[in-house]
Amino acid sequence: MAVCQGVVVHKAPTTTSYALLGLLRIKPWTTYELAKQVQRSLGWFWPRTERKLYDEPKHLVALGLATATEEHTGNRPRTVYKITAKGRGALRAWLSQPSEPSVFESEAMVKLFFADAGTL
């Protein structure tokens, strides 16, 4: 989110935004549950810091792609996020677009490439 001439401007959704929308399409989650689910599933090929995962649901709400509802577990409040119809449409539209070219970096592969220059 940025402020431009006194107007709040929300940045466009990122791949991480859409990844969380995909999870919210399955069921409503808290930020803690979303972060754990990303680590268990998407984290193998889309690793993100917990901080990023905890901030992103608020961004989805600001864009109208998700709603936030406060619930109580005992005395502890927790915010549960749920995808909106607009969020479902945005996810569908994003899924229909071609993906950016994949980027793969591996220090181990660079060392392997030059393995004849030394020992591993």
N, C-alpha and C. Protein backbone atom coordinates (compact mmCIF):
# COMPACT_ATOMS: atom_id res chain seq x y z
N MET A 1 0.84 -1.16 0.00
CA MET A 1 0.00 0.00 0.00
C MET A 1 0.89 1.23 0.00
N ALA A 2 0.52 2.21 -0.80
CA ALA A 2 1.26 3.46 -0.86
C ALA A 2 0.27 4.61 -0.80
N VAL A 3 0.75 5.77 -0.40
CA VAL A 3 -0.09 6.96 -0.37
C VAL A 3 0.43 7.91 -1.43
N CYS A 4 -0.43 8.29 -2.35
CA CYS A 4 -0.07 9.18 -3.44
C CYS A 4 -1.02 10.37 -3.42
N GLN A 5 -0.51 11.54 -3.11
CA GLN A 5 -1.30 12.77 -3.02
C GLN A 5 -2.51 12.59 -2.11
N GLY A 6 -2.28 11.95 -0.95
CA GLY A 6 -3.34 11.77 0.04
C GLY A 6 -4.30 10.64 -0.25
N VAL A 7 -4.12 9.92 -1.36
CA VAL A 7 -5.01 8.82 -1.71
C VAL A 7 -4.27 7.50 -1.48
N VAL A 8 -4.91 6.57 -0.79
CA VAL A 8 -4.30 5.27 -0.54
C VAL A 8 -4.41 4.43 -1.81
N VAL A 9 -3.27 3.95 -2.27
CA VAL A 9 -3.20 3.13 -3.48
C VAL A 9 -2.71 1.74 -3.07
N HIS A 10 -3.51 0.72 -3.38
CA HIS A 10 -3.12 -0.65 -3.06
C HIS A 10 -2.43 -1.26 -4.26
N LYS A 11 -1.29 -1.90 -4.00
CA LYS A 11 -0.55 -2.54 -5.09
C LYS A 11 -1.35 -3.71 -5.65
N ALA A 12 -1.05 -4.03 -6.88
CA ALA A 12 -1.74 -5.13 -7.56
C ALA A 12 -1.41 -6.45 -6.86
N PRO A 13 -2.29 -7.43 -6.96
CA PRO A 13 -2.00 -8.74 -6.36
C PRO A 13 -0.75 -9.37 -6.96
N THR A 14 -0.03 -10.08 -6.13
CA THR A 14 1.19 -10.78 -6.54
C THR A 14 0.89 -12.28 -6.66
N THR A 15 1.87 -13.04 -7.08
CA THR A 15 1.70 -14.49 -7.13
C THR A 15 1.39 -15.02 -5.73
N THR A 16 2.01 -14.44 -4.71
CA THR A 16 1.71 -14.84 -3.34
C THR A 16 0.26 -14.55 -3.00
N SER A 17 -0.26 -13.41 -3.46
CA SER A 17 -1.67 -13.08 -3.25
C SER A 17 -2.55 -14.17 -3.82
N TYR A 18 -2.25 -14.56 -5.05
CA TYR A 18 -3.07 -15.58 -5.71
C TYR A 18 -2.90 -16.95 -5.06
N ALA A 19 -1.71 -17.24 -4.56
CA ALA A 19 -1.49 -18.51 -3.86
C ALA A 19 -2.39 -18.58 -2.63
N LEU A 20 -2.47 -17.48 -1.88
CA LEU A 20 -3.33 -17.47 -0.70
C LEU A 20 -4.80 -17.51 -1.10
N LEU A 21 -5.17 -16.85 -2.19
CA LEU A 21 -6.55 -16.95 -2.67
C LEU A 21 -6.89 -18.40 -3.01
N GLY A 22 -5.95 -19.10 -3.61
CA GLY A 22 -6.17 -20.51 -3.93
C GLY A 22 -6.44 -21.33 -2.68
N LEU A 23 -5.71 -21.05 -1.61
CA LEU A 23 -5.96 -21.75 -0.35
C LEU A 23 -7.29 -21.34 0.26
N LEU A 24 -7.61 -20.05 0.18
CA LEU A 24 -8.89 -19.57 0.71
C LEU A 24 -10.07 -20.12 -0.08
N ARG A 25 -9.83 -20.50 -1.32
CA ARG A 25 -10.89 -21.11 -2.13
C ARG A 25 -11.28 -22.47 -1.53
N ILE A 26 -10.33 -23.13 -0.90
CA ILE A 26 -10.59 -24.43 -0.28
C ILE A 26 -11.45 -24.28 0.96
N LYS A 27 -11.07 -23.32 1.82
CA LYS A 27 -11.81 -23.07 3.07
C LYS A 27 -11.28 -21.79 3.72
N PRO A 28 -12.04 -21.21 4.64
CA PRO A 28 -11.54 -20.05 5.38
C PRO A 28 -10.39 -20.46 6.31
N TRP A 29 -9.42 -19.57 6.48
CA TRP A 29 -8.26 -19.85 7.32
C TRP A 29 -7.91 -18.60 8.14
N THR A 30 -7.22 -18.81 9.27
CA THR A 30 -6.56 -17.71 9.98
C THR A 30 -5.20 -17.49 9.31
N THR A 31 -4.54 -16.39 9.65
CA THR A 31 -3.21 -16.16 9.07
C THR A 31 -2.24 -17.25 9.51
N TYR A 32 -2.34 -17.68 10.75
CA TYR A 32 -1.47 -18.75 11.24
C TYR A 32 -1.69 -20.02 10.42
N GLU A 33 -2.95 -20.38 10.19
CA GLU A 33 -3.26 -21.58 9.42
C GLU A 33 -2.78 -21.45 7.97
N LEU A 34 -2.97 -20.26 7.39
CA LEU A 34 -2.50 -20.03 6.02
C LEU A 34 -0.98 -20.20 5.93
N ALA A 35 -0.26 -19.59 6.87
CA ALA A 35 1.21 -19.68 6.85
C ALA A 35 1.66 -21.13 6.98
N LYS A 36 1.05 -21.88 7.88
CA LYS A 36 1.42 -23.29 8.06
C LYS A 36 1.08 -24.10 6.81
N GLN A 37 -0.06 -23.84 6.21
CA GLN A 37 -0.46 -24.57 5.01
C GLN A 37 0.49 -24.28 3.85
N VAL A 38 0.91 -23.03 3.71
CA VAL A 38 1.87 -22.68 2.65
C VAL A 38 3.18 -23.43 2.90
N GLN A 39 3.65 -23.43 4.13
CA GLN A 39 4.90 -24.14 4.44
C GLN A 39 4.79 -25.63 4.15
N ARG A 40 3.64 -26.23 4.41
CA ARG A 40 3.45 -27.68 4.18
C ARG A 40 3.29 -28.04 2.71
N SER A 41 2.75 -27.13 1.92
CA SER A 41 2.43 -27.49 0.54
C SER A 41 3.20 -26.63 -0.47
N LEU A 42 2.82 -25.40 -0.62
CA LEU A 42 3.43 -24.52 -1.62
C LEU A 42 4.87 -24.16 -1.31
N GLY A 43 5.25 -24.23 -0.06
CA GLY A 43 6.59 -23.83 0.36
C GLY A 43 7.72 -24.58 -0.33
N TRP A 44 7.43 -25.75 -0.86
CA TRP A 44 8.45 -26.53 -1.55
C TRP A 44 8.87 -25.88 -2.86
N PHE A 45 7.97 -25.13 -3.48
CA PHE A 45 8.30 -24.48 -4.75
C PHE A 45 7.96 -23.00 -4.76
N TRP A 46 7.34 -22.48 -3.69
CA TRP A 46 7.06 -21.06 -3.57
C TRP A 46 7.35 -20.64 -2.13
N PRO A 47 8.63 -20.66 -1.72
CA PRO A 47 8.96 -20.32 -0.33
C PRO A 47 8.78 -18.83 -0.07
N ARG A 48 8.15 -18.52 1.05
CA ARG A 48 7.95 -17.14 1.44
C ARG A 48 8.18 -17.02 2.94
N THR A 49 8.61 -15.83 3.38
CA THR A 49 8.81 -15.60 4.80
C THR A 49 7.45 -15.58 5.50
N GLU A 50 7.45 -15.97 6.77
CA GLU A 50 6.20 -15.93 7.54
C GLU A 50 5.64 -14.51 7.59
N ARG A 51 6.52 -13.52 7.70
CA ARG A 51 6.06 -12.13 7.77
C ARG A 51 5.22 -11.78 6.54
N LYS A 52 5.72 -12.16 5.37
CA LYS A 52 5.00 -11.89 4.12
C LYS A 52 3.64 -12.59 4.14
N LEU A 53 3.63 -13.82 4.62
CA LEU A 53 2.39 -14.59 4.65
C LEU A 53 1.40 -14.02 5.66
N TYR A 54 1.90 -13.42 6.73
CA TYR A 54 1.01 -12.82 7.72
C TYR A 54 0.47 -11.47 7.25
N ASP A 55 1.22 -10.75 6.42
CA ASP A 55 0.77 -9.45 5.92
C ASP A 55 -0.20 -9.56 4.74
N GLU A 56 -0.03 -10.57 3.93
CA GLU A 56 -0.78 -10.67 2.67
C GLU A 56 -2.30 -10.75 2.82
N PRO A 57 -2.86 -11.47 3.80
CA PRO A 57 -4.32 -11.51 3.90
C PRO A 57 -4.96 -10.12 4.08
N LYS A 58 -4.28 -9.24 4.81
CA LYS A 58 -4.80 -7.87 4.98
C LYS A 58 -4.85 -7.15 3.63
N HIS A 59 -3.86 -7.40 2.80
CA HIS A 59 -3.81 -6.83 1.46
C HIS A 59 -4.98 -7.35 0.63
N LEU A 60 -5.28 -8.64 0.74
CA LEU A 60 -6.40 -9.22 0.01
C LEU A 60 -7.72 -8.58 0.44
N VAL A 61 -7.87 -8.32 1.73
CA VAL A 61 -9.08 -7.66 2.23
C VAL A 61 -9.16 -6.24 1.68
N ALA A 62 -8.05 -5.51 1.68
CA ALA A 62 -8.04 -4.13 1.17
C ALA A 62 -8.43 -4.08 -0.30
N LEU A 63 -8.10 -5.13 -1.05
CA LEU A 63 -8.45 -5.19 -2.47
C LEU A 63 -9.86 -5.73 -2.72
N GLY A 64 -10.54 -6.15 -1.65
CA GLY A 64 -11.88 -6.71 -1.79
C GLY A 64 -11.88 -8.16 -2.27
N LEU A 65 -10.72 -8.82 -2.21
CA LEU A 65 -10.61 -10.20 -2.69
C LEU A 65 -10.89 -11.21 -1.58
N ALA A 66 -10.90 -10.74 -0.34
CA ALA A 66 -11.18 -11.59 0.82
C ALA A 66 -11.88 -10.75 1.88
N THR A 67 -12.53 -11.43 2.81
CA THR A 67 -13.12 -10.76 3.96
C THR A 67 -12.41 -11.24 5.22
N ALA A 68 -12.48 -10.44 6.26
CA ALA A 68 -11.89 -10.80 7.55
C ALA A 68 -12.99 -10.75 8.60
N THR A 69 -13.14 -11.83 9.35
CA THR A 69 -14.14 -11.92 10.40
C THR A 69 -13.44 -12.30 11.69
N GLU A 70 -13.73 -11.55 12.76
CA GLU A 70 -13.12 -11.89 14.05
C GLU A 70 -13.96 -12.94 14.75
N GLU A 71 -13.31 -14.00 15.17
CA GLU A 71 -13.95 -15.07 15.93
C GLU A 71 -13.19 -15.22 17.24
N HIS A 72 -13.81 -15.92 18.18
CA HIS A 72 -13.15 -16.14 19.47
C HIS A 72 -12.98 -17.62 19.73
N THR A 73 -11.78 -18.00 20.12
CA THR A 73 -11.48 -19.35 20.58
C THR A 73 -11.16 -19.20 22.05
N GLY A 74 -12.12 -19.51 22.90
CA GLY A 74 -11.97 -19.21 24.31
C GLY A 74 -12.00 -17.70 24.46
N ASN A 75 -11.01 -17.14 25.12
CA ASN A 75 -10.91 -15.69 25.28
C ASN A 75 -10.07 -15.03 24.20
N ARG A 76 -9.45 -15.85 23.35
CA ARG A 76 -8.54 -15.31 22.33
C ARG A 76 -9.28 -14.98 21.05
N PRO A 77 -9.17 -13.72 20.60
CA PRO A 77 -9.75 -13.40 19.30
C PRO A 77 -8.83 -13.89 18.18
N ARG A 78 -9.43 -14.28 17.08
CA ARG A 78 -8.65 -14.65 15.90
C ARG A 78 -9.41 -14.17 14.68
N THR A 79 -8.66 -13.77 13.67
CA THR A 79 -9.26 -13.28 12.44
C THR A 79 -9.25 -14.40 11.42
N VAL A 80 -10.42 -14.67 10.86
CA VAL A 80 -10.56 -15.71 9.85
C VAL A 80 -10.81 -15.04 8.51
N TYR A 81 -10.04 -15.44 7.51
CA TYR A 81 -10.15 -14.86 6.17
C TYR A 81 -10.91 -15.81 5.25
N LYS A 82 -11.74 -15.21 4.40
CA LYS A 82 -12.57 -15.98 3.47
C LYS A 82 -12.53 -15.29 2.11
N ILE A 83 -12.44 -16.06 1.04
CA ILE A 83 -12.41 -15.50 -0.31
C ILE A 83 -13.78 -14.92 -0.66
N THR A 84 -13.79 -13.82 -1.41
CA THR A 84 -15.03 -13.21 -1.88
C THR A 84 -15.30 -13.65 -3.32
N ALA A 85 -16.48 -13.30 -3.83
CA ALA A 85 -16.79 -13.58 -5.24
C ALA A 85 -15.79 -12.87 -6.14
N LYS A 86 -15.43 -11.64 -5.77
CA LYS A 86 -14.42 -10.90 -6.55
C LYS A 86 -13.08 -11.64 -6.51
N GLY A 87 -12.74 -12.20 -5.35
CA GLY A 87 -11.50 -12.96 -5.21
C GLY A 87 -11.50 -14.22 -6.06
N ARG A 88 -12.65 -14.90 -6.11
CA ARG A 88 -12.77 -16.10 -6.96
C ARG A 88 -12.59 -15.73 -8.44
N GLY A 89 -13.20 -14.61 -8.83
CA GLY A 89 -13.05 -14.16 -10.21
C GLY A 89 -11.62 -13.78 -10.54
N ALA A 90 -10.96 -13.10 -9.61
CA ALA A 90 -9.56 -12.71 -9.81
C ALA A 90 -8.67 -13.94 -9.92
N LEU A 91 -8.91 -14.93 -9.08
CA LEU A 91 -8.13 -16.17 -9.12
C LEU A 91 -8.34 -16.88 -10.46
N ARG A 92 -9.59 -16.97 -10.90
CA ARG A 92 -9.89 -17.61 -12.19
C ARG A 92 -9.18 -16.88 -13.33
N ALA A 93 -9.24 -15.55 -13.31
CA ALA A 93 -8.60 -14.75 -14.37
C ALA A 93 -7.09 -14.95 -14.35
N TRP A 94 -6.49 -14.96 -13.17
CA TRP A 94 -5.05 -15.15 -13.05
C TRP A 94 -4.64 -16.53 -13.55
N LEU A 95 -5.42 -17.55 -13.21
CA LEU A 95 -5.11 -18.92 -13.65
C LEU A 95 -5.18 -19.07 -15.17
N SER A 96 -5.97 -18.23 -15.82
CA SER A 96 -6.11 -18.33 -17.28
C SER A 96 -4.99 -17.60 -18.03
N GLN A 97 -4.18 -16.82 -17.32
CA GLN A 97 -3.09 -16.08 -17.94
C GLN A 97 -1.83 -16.95 -18.01
N PRO A 98 -0.99 -16.73 -19.04
CA PRO A 98 0.28 -17.47 -19.09
C PRO A 98 1.18 -17.07 -17.91
N SER A 99 1.95 -18.01 -17.44
CA SER A 99 2.87 -17.74 -16.32
C SER A 99 4.13 -17.05 -16.82
N GLU A 100 4.78 -16.34 -15.92
CA GLU A 100 6.09 -15.76 -16.21
C GLU A 100 7.08 -16.91 -16.37
N PRO A 101 8.16 -16.69 -17.13
CA PRO A 101 9.18 -17.75 -17.24
C PRO A 101 9.73 -18.11 -15.86
N SER A 102 9.99 -19.37 -15.66
CA SER A 102 10.51 -19.84 -14.37
C SER A 102 11.96 -19.40 -14.20
N VAL A 103 12.33 -19.10 -12.98
CA VAL A 103 13.70 -18.75 -12.64
C VAL A 103 14.21 -19.82 -11.70
N PHE A 104 15.33 -20.41 -12.05
CA PHE A 104 15.92 -21.43 -11.20
C PHE A 104 17.37 -21.07 -10.96
N GLU A 105 17.74 -20.95 -9.70
CA GLU A 105 19.13 -20.67 -9.33
C GLU A 105 19.58 -21.74 -8.36
N SER A 106 20.79 -22.24 -8.57
CA SER A 106 21.31 -23.25 -7.67
C SER A 106 22.83 -23.13 -7.58
N GLU A 107 23.31 -22.76 -6.42
CA GLU A 107 24.75 -22.68 -6.21
C GLU A 107 25.39 -24.05 -6.43
N ALA A 108 24.71 -25.10 -6.00
CA ALA A 108 25.25 -26.45 -6.17
C ALA A 108 25.45 -26.78 -7.65
N MET A 109 24.54 -26.35 -8.51
CA MET A 109 24.66 -26.62 -9.94
C MET A 109 25.81 -25.82 -10.56
N VAL A 110 26.06 -24.61 -10.08
CA VAL A 110 27.19 -23.81 -10.57
C VAL A 110 28.49 -24.53 -10.20
N LYS A 111 28.58 -25.01 -8.97
CA LYS A 111 29.78 -25.75 -8.55
C LYS A 111 29.95 -27.02 -9.36
N LEU A 112 28.87 -27.71 -9.64
CA LEU A 112 28.94 -28.93 -10.44
C LEU A 112 29.44 -28.62 -11.85
N PHE A 113 29.00 -27.50 -12.41
CA PHE A 113 29.41 -27.09 -13.75
C PHE A 113 30.93 -26.93 -13.83
N PHE A 114 31.51 -26.38 -12.75
CA PHE A 114 32.95 -26.14 -12.72
C PHE A 114 33.71 -27.20 -11.92
N ALA A 115 33.12 -28.35 -11.71
CA ALA A 115 33.70 -29.39 -10.86
C ALA A 115 35.08 -29.85 -11.32
N ASP A 116 35.36 -29.77 -12.61
CA ASP A 116 36.67 -30.22 -13.10
C ASP A 116 37.80 -29.31 -12.65
N ALA A 117 37.48 -28.14 -12.09
CA ALA A 117 38.50 -27.20 -11.64
C ALA A 117 38.93 -27.47 -10.19
N GLY A 118 38.27 -28.38 -9.52
CA GLY A 118 38.60 -28.65 -8.12
C GLY A 118 37.96 -29.94 -7.67
N THR A 119 37.85 -30.10 -6.37
CA THR A 119 37.21 -31.29 -5.81
C THR A 119 35.93 -30.87 -5.11
N LEU A 120 35.02 -31.79 -5.03
CA LEU A 120 33.75 -31.51 -4.36
C LEU A 120 33.74 -32.06 -2.97
